[in-house]
């Protein structure tokens, strides 16, 4: 008797060569937060190498960071003025004061609270990125595998990091003209 895999949802067929509207419709069909998911897709496509793969590490200034962390950090400023951040700061400050963990110096306390909030935002952002990527995989817009310790593998863990591959049709829809050669064969054609 065959046992169904209850933890993995079926992946949609990849979209055929299509336009931006088709990509947006595919995201809307599979995502609970389509604008956020589209932003994640666009960032992945921009970070992708010529073969469409982005990750496992992305250059962030002088450092190389895992792509999921880079995506979360890149998107985080869009929520910086959000009301939830202010609410989180208030709750965290109250909890730290109640437990006696809040420094007595107001400047040091502010730095400590800000560091704690940034840690929570980073963790929440990485969870949101993972959810958005799963929706993009279900929509057939990207493929995901894990690379790292020992061998490539489809499951995460054991020092492996995600690698996202944007399909050629999606790359063409998001960035038409990218990769086109100039008629004389030198570099990219003018946009």
C-alpha atoms as a PDB file:
ATOM      1  CA  UNK A   1       0.000   0.000   0.000  1.00  0.00           C
ATOM      2  CA  UNK A   2       1.323   3.454  -0.903  1.00  0.00           C
ATOM      3  CA  UNK A   3       1.370   6.120   1.757  1.00  0.00           C
ATOM      4  CA  UNK A   4       0.780   9.687   0.680  1.00  0.00           C
ATOM      5  CA  UNK A   5       3.267  12.340   1.640  1.00  0.00           C
ATOM      6  CA  UNK A   6       1.150  14.496   3.927  1.00  0.00           C
ATOM      7  CA  UNK A   7       3.764  17.197   4.415  1.00  0.00           C
ATOM      8  CA  UNK A   8       4.412  18.254   0.833  1.00  0.00           C
ATOM      9  CA  UNK A   9       1.837  19.871  -1.389  1.00  0.00           C
ATOM     10  CA  UNK A  10       1.775  19.224  -5.081  1.00  0.00           C
ATOM     11  CA  UNK A  11       3.783  21.685  -7.141  1.00  0.00           C
ATOM     12  CA  UNK A  12       1.938  23.334  -9.992  1.00  0.00           C
ATOM     13  CA  UNK A  13       3.250  22.933 -13.477  1.00  0.00           C
ATOM     14  CA  UNK A  14       5.703  25.723 -14.223  1.00  0.00           C
ATOM     15  CA  UNK A  15       4.131  28.545 -16.164  1.00  0.00           C
ATOM     16  CA  UNK A  16       4.952  28.489 -19.852  1.00  0.00           C
ATOM     17  CA  UNK A  17       6.747  31.400 -21.494  1.00  0.00           C
ATOM     18  CA  UNK A  18       4.492  34.140 -20.262  1.00  0.00           C
ATOM     19  CA  UNK A  19       4.265  37.765 -19.366  1.00  0.00           C
ATOM     20  CA  UNK A  20       4.346  39.632 -16.111  1.00  0.00           C
ATOM     21  CA  UNK A  21       0.551  39.430 -15.773  1.00  0.00           C
ATOM     22  CA  UNK A  22       0.741  35.630 -15.799  1.00  0.00           C
ATOM     23  CA  UNK A  23       3.374  35.683 -13.061  1.00  0.00           C
ATOM     24  CA  UNK A  24       1.217  38.016 -10.952  1.00  0.00           C
ATOM     25  CA  UNK A  25      -1.859  35.813 -11.489  1.00  0.00           C
ATOM     26  CA  UNK A  26       0.100  32.680 -10.494  1.00  0.00           C
ATOM     27  CA  UNK A  27       1.301  34.398  -7.309  1.00  0.00           C
ATOM     28  CA  UNK A  28      -2.203  35.662  -6.476  1.00  0.00           C
ATOM     29  CA  UNK A  29      -3.590  32.152  -6.894  1.00  0.00           C
ATOM     30  CA  UNK A  30      -1.032  30.522  -4.562  1.00  0.00           C
ATOM     31  CA  UNK A  31      -0.136  33.223  -2.039  1.00  0.00           C
ATOM     32  CA  UNK A  32      -1.853  34.623   1.027  1.00  0.00           C
ATOM     33  CA  UNK A  33       0.348  37.763   0.756  1.00  0.00           C
ATOM     34  CA  UNK A  34       0.823  38.294  -2.992  1.00  0.00           C
ATOM     35  CA  UNK A  35       2.611  41.680  -2.845  1.00  0.00           C
ATOM     36  CA  UNK A  36       5.145  40.403  -0.330  1.00  0.00           C
ATOM     37  CA  UNK A  37       5.615  37.188  -2.311  1.00  0.00           C
ATOM     38  CA  UNK A  38       6.127  39.155  -5.527  1.00  0.00           C
ATOM     39  CA  UNK A  39       8.770  41.271  -3.768  1.00  0.00           C
ATOM     40  CA  UNK A  40      10.576  38.087  -2.655  1.00  0.00           C
ATOM     41  CA  UNK A  41      10.437  36.698  -6.209  1.00  0.00           C
ATOM     42  CA  UNK A  42      11.808  39.915  -7.686  1.00  0.00           C
ATOM     43  CA  UNK A  43      14.698  40.015  -5.190  1.00  0.00           C
ATOM     44  CA  UNK A  44      15.530  36.377  -5.877  1.00  0.00           C
ATOM     45  CA  UNK A  45      15.489  37.035  -9.635  1.00  0.00           C
ATOM     46  CA  UNK A  46      17.783  40.054  -9.180  1.00  0.00           C
ATOM     47  CA  UNK A  47      20.224  38.046  -7.035  1.00  0.00           C
ATOM     48  CA  UNK A  48      20.224  35.093  -9.442  1.00  0.00           C
ATOM     49  CA  UNK A  49      23.258  34.218 -11.505  1.00  0.00           C
ATOM     50  CA  UNK A  50      23.087  33.659 -15.272  1.00  0.00           C
ATOM     51  CA  UNK A  51      21.806  30.094 -14.730  1.00  0.00           C
ATOM     52  CA  UNK A  52      18.848  31.389 -12.678  1.00  0.00           C
ATOM     53  CA  UNK A  53      20.192  30.161  -9.329  1.00  0.00           C
ATOM     54  CA  UNK A  54      20.379  32.420  -6.293  1.00  0.00           C
ATOM     55  CA  UNK A  55      22.194  31.216  -3.201  1.00  0.00           C
ATOM     56  CA  UNK A  56      23.205  29.500  -1.105  1.00  0.00           C
ATOM     57  CA  UNK A  57      25.178  32.640  -0.222  1.00  0.00           C
ATOM     58  CA  UNK A  58      24.664  36.223  -1.381  1.00  0.00           C
ATOM     59  CA  UNK A  59      27.183  39.037  -1.084  1.00  0.00           C
ATOM     60  CA  UNK A  60      26.005  41.717   1.337  1.00  0.00           C
ATOM     61  CA  UNK A  61      28.718  44.363   1.327  1.00  0.00           C
ATOM     62  CA  UNK A  62      31.889  42.529   2.317  1.00  0.00           C
ATOM     63  CA  UNK A  63      30.104  39.528   3.846  1.00  0.00           C
ATOM     64  CA  UNK A  64      28.554  36.421   2.334  1.00  0.00           C
ATOM     65  CA  UNK A  65      25.232  35.575   4.002  1.00  0.00           C
ATOM     66  CA  UNK A  66      22.682  32.802   3.398  1.00  0.00           C
ATOM     67  CA  UNK A  67      20.086  33.936   0.874  1.00  0.00           C
ATOM     68  CA  UNK A  68      17.171  33.567   3.268  1.00  0.00           C
ATOM     69  CA  UNK A  69      18.842  35.884   5.787  1.00  0.00           C
ATOM     70  CA  UNK A  70      19.711  38.341   2.998  1.00  0.00           C
ATOM     71  CA  UNK A  71      16.114  38.395   1.752  1.00  0.00           C
ATOM     72  CA  UNK A  72      14.756  38.959   5.272  1.00  0.00           C
ATOM     73  CA  UNK A  73      17.251  41.767   5.948  1.00  0.00           C
ATOM     74  CA  UNK A  74      16.588  43.391   2.569  1.00  0.00           C
ATOM     75  CA  UNK A  75      12.819  43.412   3.064  1.00  0.00           C
ATOM     76  CA  UNK A  76      12.895  44.391   6.778  1.00  0.00           C
ATOM     77  CA  UNK A  77      13.143  48.179   6.202  1.00  0.00           C
ATOM     78  CA  UNK A  78       9.755  48.108   4.461  1.00  0.00           C
ATOM     79  CA  UNK A  79       8.215  47.308   7.862  1.00  0.00           C
ATOM     80  CA  UNK A  80      10.395  49.645   9.942  1.00  0.00           C
ATOM     81  CA  UNK A  81       7.668  52.231  10.529  1.00  0.00           C
ATOM     82  CA  UNK A  82       4.933  49.670  10.851  1.00  0.00           C
ATOM     83  CA  UNK A  83       2.621  49.830  13.874  1.00  0.00           C
ATOM     84  CA  UNK A  84       3.438  46.240  14.836  1.00  0.00           C
ATOM     85  CA  UNK A  85       7.079  47.165  15.362  1.00  0.00           C
ATOM     86  CA  UNK A  86       6.072  49.917  17.782  1.00  0.00           C
ATOM     87  CA  UNK A  87       3.770  47.490  19.582  1.00  0.00           C
ATOM     88  CA  UNK A  88       6.561  44.906  19.766  1.00  0.00           C
ATOM     89  CA  UNK A  89       8.917  47.505  21.255  1.00  0.00           C
ATOM     90  CA  UNK A  90       6.331  48.371  23.928  1.00  0.00           C
ATOM     91  CA  UNK A  91       5.627  44.730  24.838  1.00  0.00           C
ATOM     92  CA  UNK A  92       9.303  43.823  24.881  1.00  0.00           C
ATOM     93  CA  UNK A  93      10.243  46.840  27.015  1.00  0.00           C
ATOM     94  CA  UNK A  94       7.501  45.942  29.530  1.00  0.00           C
ATOM     95  CA  UNK A  95       8.537  42.274  29.656  1.00  0.00           C
ATOM     96  CA  UNK A  96      12.216  43.135  30.106  1.00  0.00           C
ATOM     97  CA  UNK A  97      11.416  45.659  32.845  1.00  0.00           C
ATOM     98  CA  UNK A  98       9.167  43.157  34.651  1.00  0.00           C
ATOM     99  CA  UNK A  99      11.875  40.484  34.556  1.00  0.00           C
ATOM    100  CA  UNK A 100      14.575  42.936  35.660  1.00  0.00           C
ATOM    101  CA  UNK A 101      16.579  42.393  32.461  1.00  0.00           C
ATOM    102  CA  UNK A 102      16.249  45.979  31.229  1.00  0.00           C
ATOM    103  CA  UNK A 103      19.431  48.019  31.850  1.00  0.00           C
ATOM    104  CA  UNK A 104      18.996  51.010  34.181  1.00  0.00           C
ATOM    105  CA  UNK A 105      20.832  53.407  31.848  1.00  0.00           C
ATOM    106  CA  UNK A 106      18.190  54.784  29.408  1.00  0.00           C
ATOM    107  CA  UNK A 107      20.604  54.884  26.441  1.00  0.00           C
ATOM    108  CA  UNK A 108      21.814  51.337  27.090  1.00  0.00           C
ATOM    109  CA  UNK A 109      18.206  50.200  27.633  1.00  0.00           C
ATOM    110  CA  UNK A 110      17.202  51.704  24.278  1.00  0.00           C
ATOM    111  CA  UNK A 111      20.086  49.910  22.515  1.00  0.00           C
ATOM    112  CA  UNK A 112      19.236  46.630  24.227  1.00  0.00           C
ATOM    113  CA  UNK A 113      15.540  46.834  23.311  1.00  0.00           C
ATOM    114  CA  UNK A 114      16.397  47.796  19.708  1.00  0.00           C
ATOM    115  CA  UNK A 115      18.783  44.812  19.413  1.00  0.00           C
ATOM    116  CA  UNK A 116      16.100  42.469  20.775  1.00  0.00           C
ATOM    117  CA  UNK A 117      13.477  43.873  18.389  1.00  0.00           C
ATOM    118  CA  UNK A 118      15.874  43.550  15.422  1.00  0.00           C
ATOM    119  CA  UNK A 119      16.476  39.896  16.368  1.00  0.00           C
ATOM    120  CA  UNK A 120      12.730  39.232  16.462  1.00  0.00           C
ATOM    121  CA  UNK A 121      12.175  41.068  13.176  1.00  0.00           C
ATOM    122  CA  UNK A 122      14.962  39.019  11.555  1.00  0.00           C
ATOM    123  CA  UNK A 123      13.512  35.722  12.799  1.00  0.00           C
ATOM    124  CA  UNK A 124       9.985  36.707  11.741  1.00  0.00           C
ATOM    125  CA  UNK A 125      11.306  37.905   8.384  1.00  0.00           C
ATOM    126  CA  UNK A 126      13.081  34.614   7.721  1.00  0.00           C
ATOM    127  CA  UNK A 127       9.875  32.722   8.513  1.00  0.00           C
ATOM    128  CA  UNK A 128       7.902  34.992   6.163  1.00  0.00           C
ATOM    129  CA  UNK A 129      10.506  34.530   3.410  1.00  0.00           C
ATOM    130  CA  UNK A 130      10.316  30.749   3.788  1.00  0.00           C
ATOM    131  CA  UNK A 131       6.533  30.867   3.531  1.00  0.00           C
ATOM    132  CA  UNK A 132       6.684  33.107   0.438  1.00  0.00           C
ATOM    133  CA  UNK A 133       9.252  30.834  -1.220  1.00  0.00           C
ATOM    134  CA  UNK A 134       7.061  27.791  -0.513  1.00  0.00           C
ATOM    135  CA  UNK A 135       4.177  29.589  -2.227  1.00  0.00           C
ATOM    136  CA  UNK A 136       6.416  30.420  -5.203  1.00  0.00           C
ATOM    137  CA  UNK A 137       7.478  26.767  -5.435  1.00  0.00           C
ATOM    138  CA  UNK A 138       3.821  25.648  -5.339  1.00  0.00           C
ATOM    139  CA  UNK A 139       3.060  28.176  -8.090  1.00  0.00           C
ATOM    140  CA  UNK A 140       5.836  26.670 -10.213  1.00  0.00           C
ATOM    141  CA  UNK A 141       7.714  29.980 -10.445  1.00  0.00           C
ATOM    142  CA  UNK A 142      10.904  28.832  -8.726  1.00  0.00           C
ATOM    143  CA  UNK A 143      12.564  25.605  -7.651  1.00  0.00           C
ATOM    144  CA  UNK A 144      14.277  25.111  -4.301  1.00  0.00           C
ATOM    145  CA  UNK A 145      16.972  22.730  -3.162  1.00  0.00           C
ATOM    146  CA  UNK A 146      19.502  22.733  -0.354  1.00  0.00           C
ATOM    147  CA  UNK A 147      23.251  22.816  -0.765  1.00  0.00           C
ATOM    148  CA  UNK A 148      26.060  22.582   1.718  1.00  0.00           C
ATOM    149  CA  UNK A 149      27.603  20.027   4.006  1.00  0.00           C
ATOM    150  CA  UNK A 150      28.539  16.872   2.053  1.00  0.00           C
ATOM    151  CA  UNK A 151      26.093  16.817  -0.864  1.00  0.00           C
ATOM    152  CA  UNK A 152      23.155  18.671  -2.373  1.00  0.00           C
ATOM    153  CA  UNK A 153      19.864  17.536  -0.940  1.00  0.00           C
ATOM    154  CA  UNK A 154      16.190  18.440  -1.248  1.00  0.00           C
ATOM    155  CA  UNK A 155      15.724  18.653   2.539  1.00  0.00           C
ATOM    156  CA  UNK A 156      17.209  21.319   4.765  1.00  0.00           C
ATOM    157  CA  UNK A 157      19.289  20.761   7.873  1.00  0.00           C
ATOM    158  CA  UNK A 158      22.794  19.517   8.660  1.00  0.00           C
ATOM    159  CA  UNK A 159      24.506  22.744   7.592  1.00  0.00           C
ATOM    160  CA  UNK A 160      22.692  23.012   4.287  1.00  0.00           C
ATOM    161  CA  UNK A 161      21.451  26.313   2.884  1.00  0.00           C
ATOM    162  CA  UNK A 162      18.680  27.030   0.409  1.00  0.00           C
ATOM    163  CA  UNK A 163      19.323  27.618  -3.269  1.00  0.00           C
ATOM    164  CA  UNK A 164      16.472  29.088  -5.312  1.00  0.00           C
ATOM    165  CA  UNK A 165      16.260  28.683  -9.076  1.00  0.00           C
ATOM    166  CA  UNK A 166      14.045  31.087 -10.996  1.00  0.00           C
ATOM    167  CA  UNK A 167      12.574  29.549 -14.133  1.00  0.00           C
ATOM    168  CA  UNK A 168      13.593  31.048 -17.462  1.00  0.00           C
ATOM    169  CA  UNK A 169      10.003  32.073 -18.257  1.00  0.00           C
ATOM    170  CA  UNK A 170       9.741  34.000 -14.981  1.00  0.00           C
ATOM    171  CA  UNK A 171      13.125  35.670 -15.463  1.00  0.00           C
ATOM    172  CA  UNK A 172      12.079  36.791 -18.947  1.00  0.00           C
ATOM    173  CA  UNK A 173       8.757  38.116 -17.621  1.00  0.00           C
ATOM    174  CA  UNK A 174      10.313  40.016 -14.704  1.00  0.00           C
ATOM    175  CA  UNK A 175      13.340  41.378 -16.538  1.00  0.00           C
ATOM    176  CA  UNK A 176      12.691  41.410 -20.271  1.00  0.00           C
ATOM    177  CA  UNK A 177      15.843  42.110 -22.202  1.00  0.00           C
ATOM    178  CA  UNK A 178      18.145  40.844 -19.459  1.00  0.00           C
ATOM    179  CA  UNK A 179      20.724  38.642 -21.041  1.00  0.00           C
ATOM    180  CA  UNK A 180      20.057  39.901 -24.557  1.00  0.00           C
ATOM    181  CA  UNK A 181      23.174  40.634 -26.525  1.00  0.00           C
ATOM    182  CA  UNK A 182      23.760  43.819 -28.416  1.00  0.00           C
ATOM    183  CA  UNK A 183      23.417  43.232 -32.189  1.00  0.00           C
ATOM    184  CA  UNK A 184      27.204  43.468 -32.540  1.00  0.00           C
ATOM    185  CA  UNK A 185      27.603  40.755 -29.860  1.00  0.00           C
ATOM    186  CA  UNK A 186      29.099  43.014 -27.176  1.00  0.00           C
ATOM    187  CA  UNK A 187      27.276  43.009 -23.868  1.00  0.00           C
ATOM    188  CA  UNK A 188      23.644  43.739 -23.195  1.00  0.00           C
ATOM    189  CA  UNK A 189      21.367  45.489 -25.596  1.00  0.00           C
ATOM    190  CA  UNK A 190      20.164  48.929 -24.530  1.00  0.00           C
ATOM    191  CA  UNK A 191      16.856  48.880 -22.708  1.00  0.00           C
END
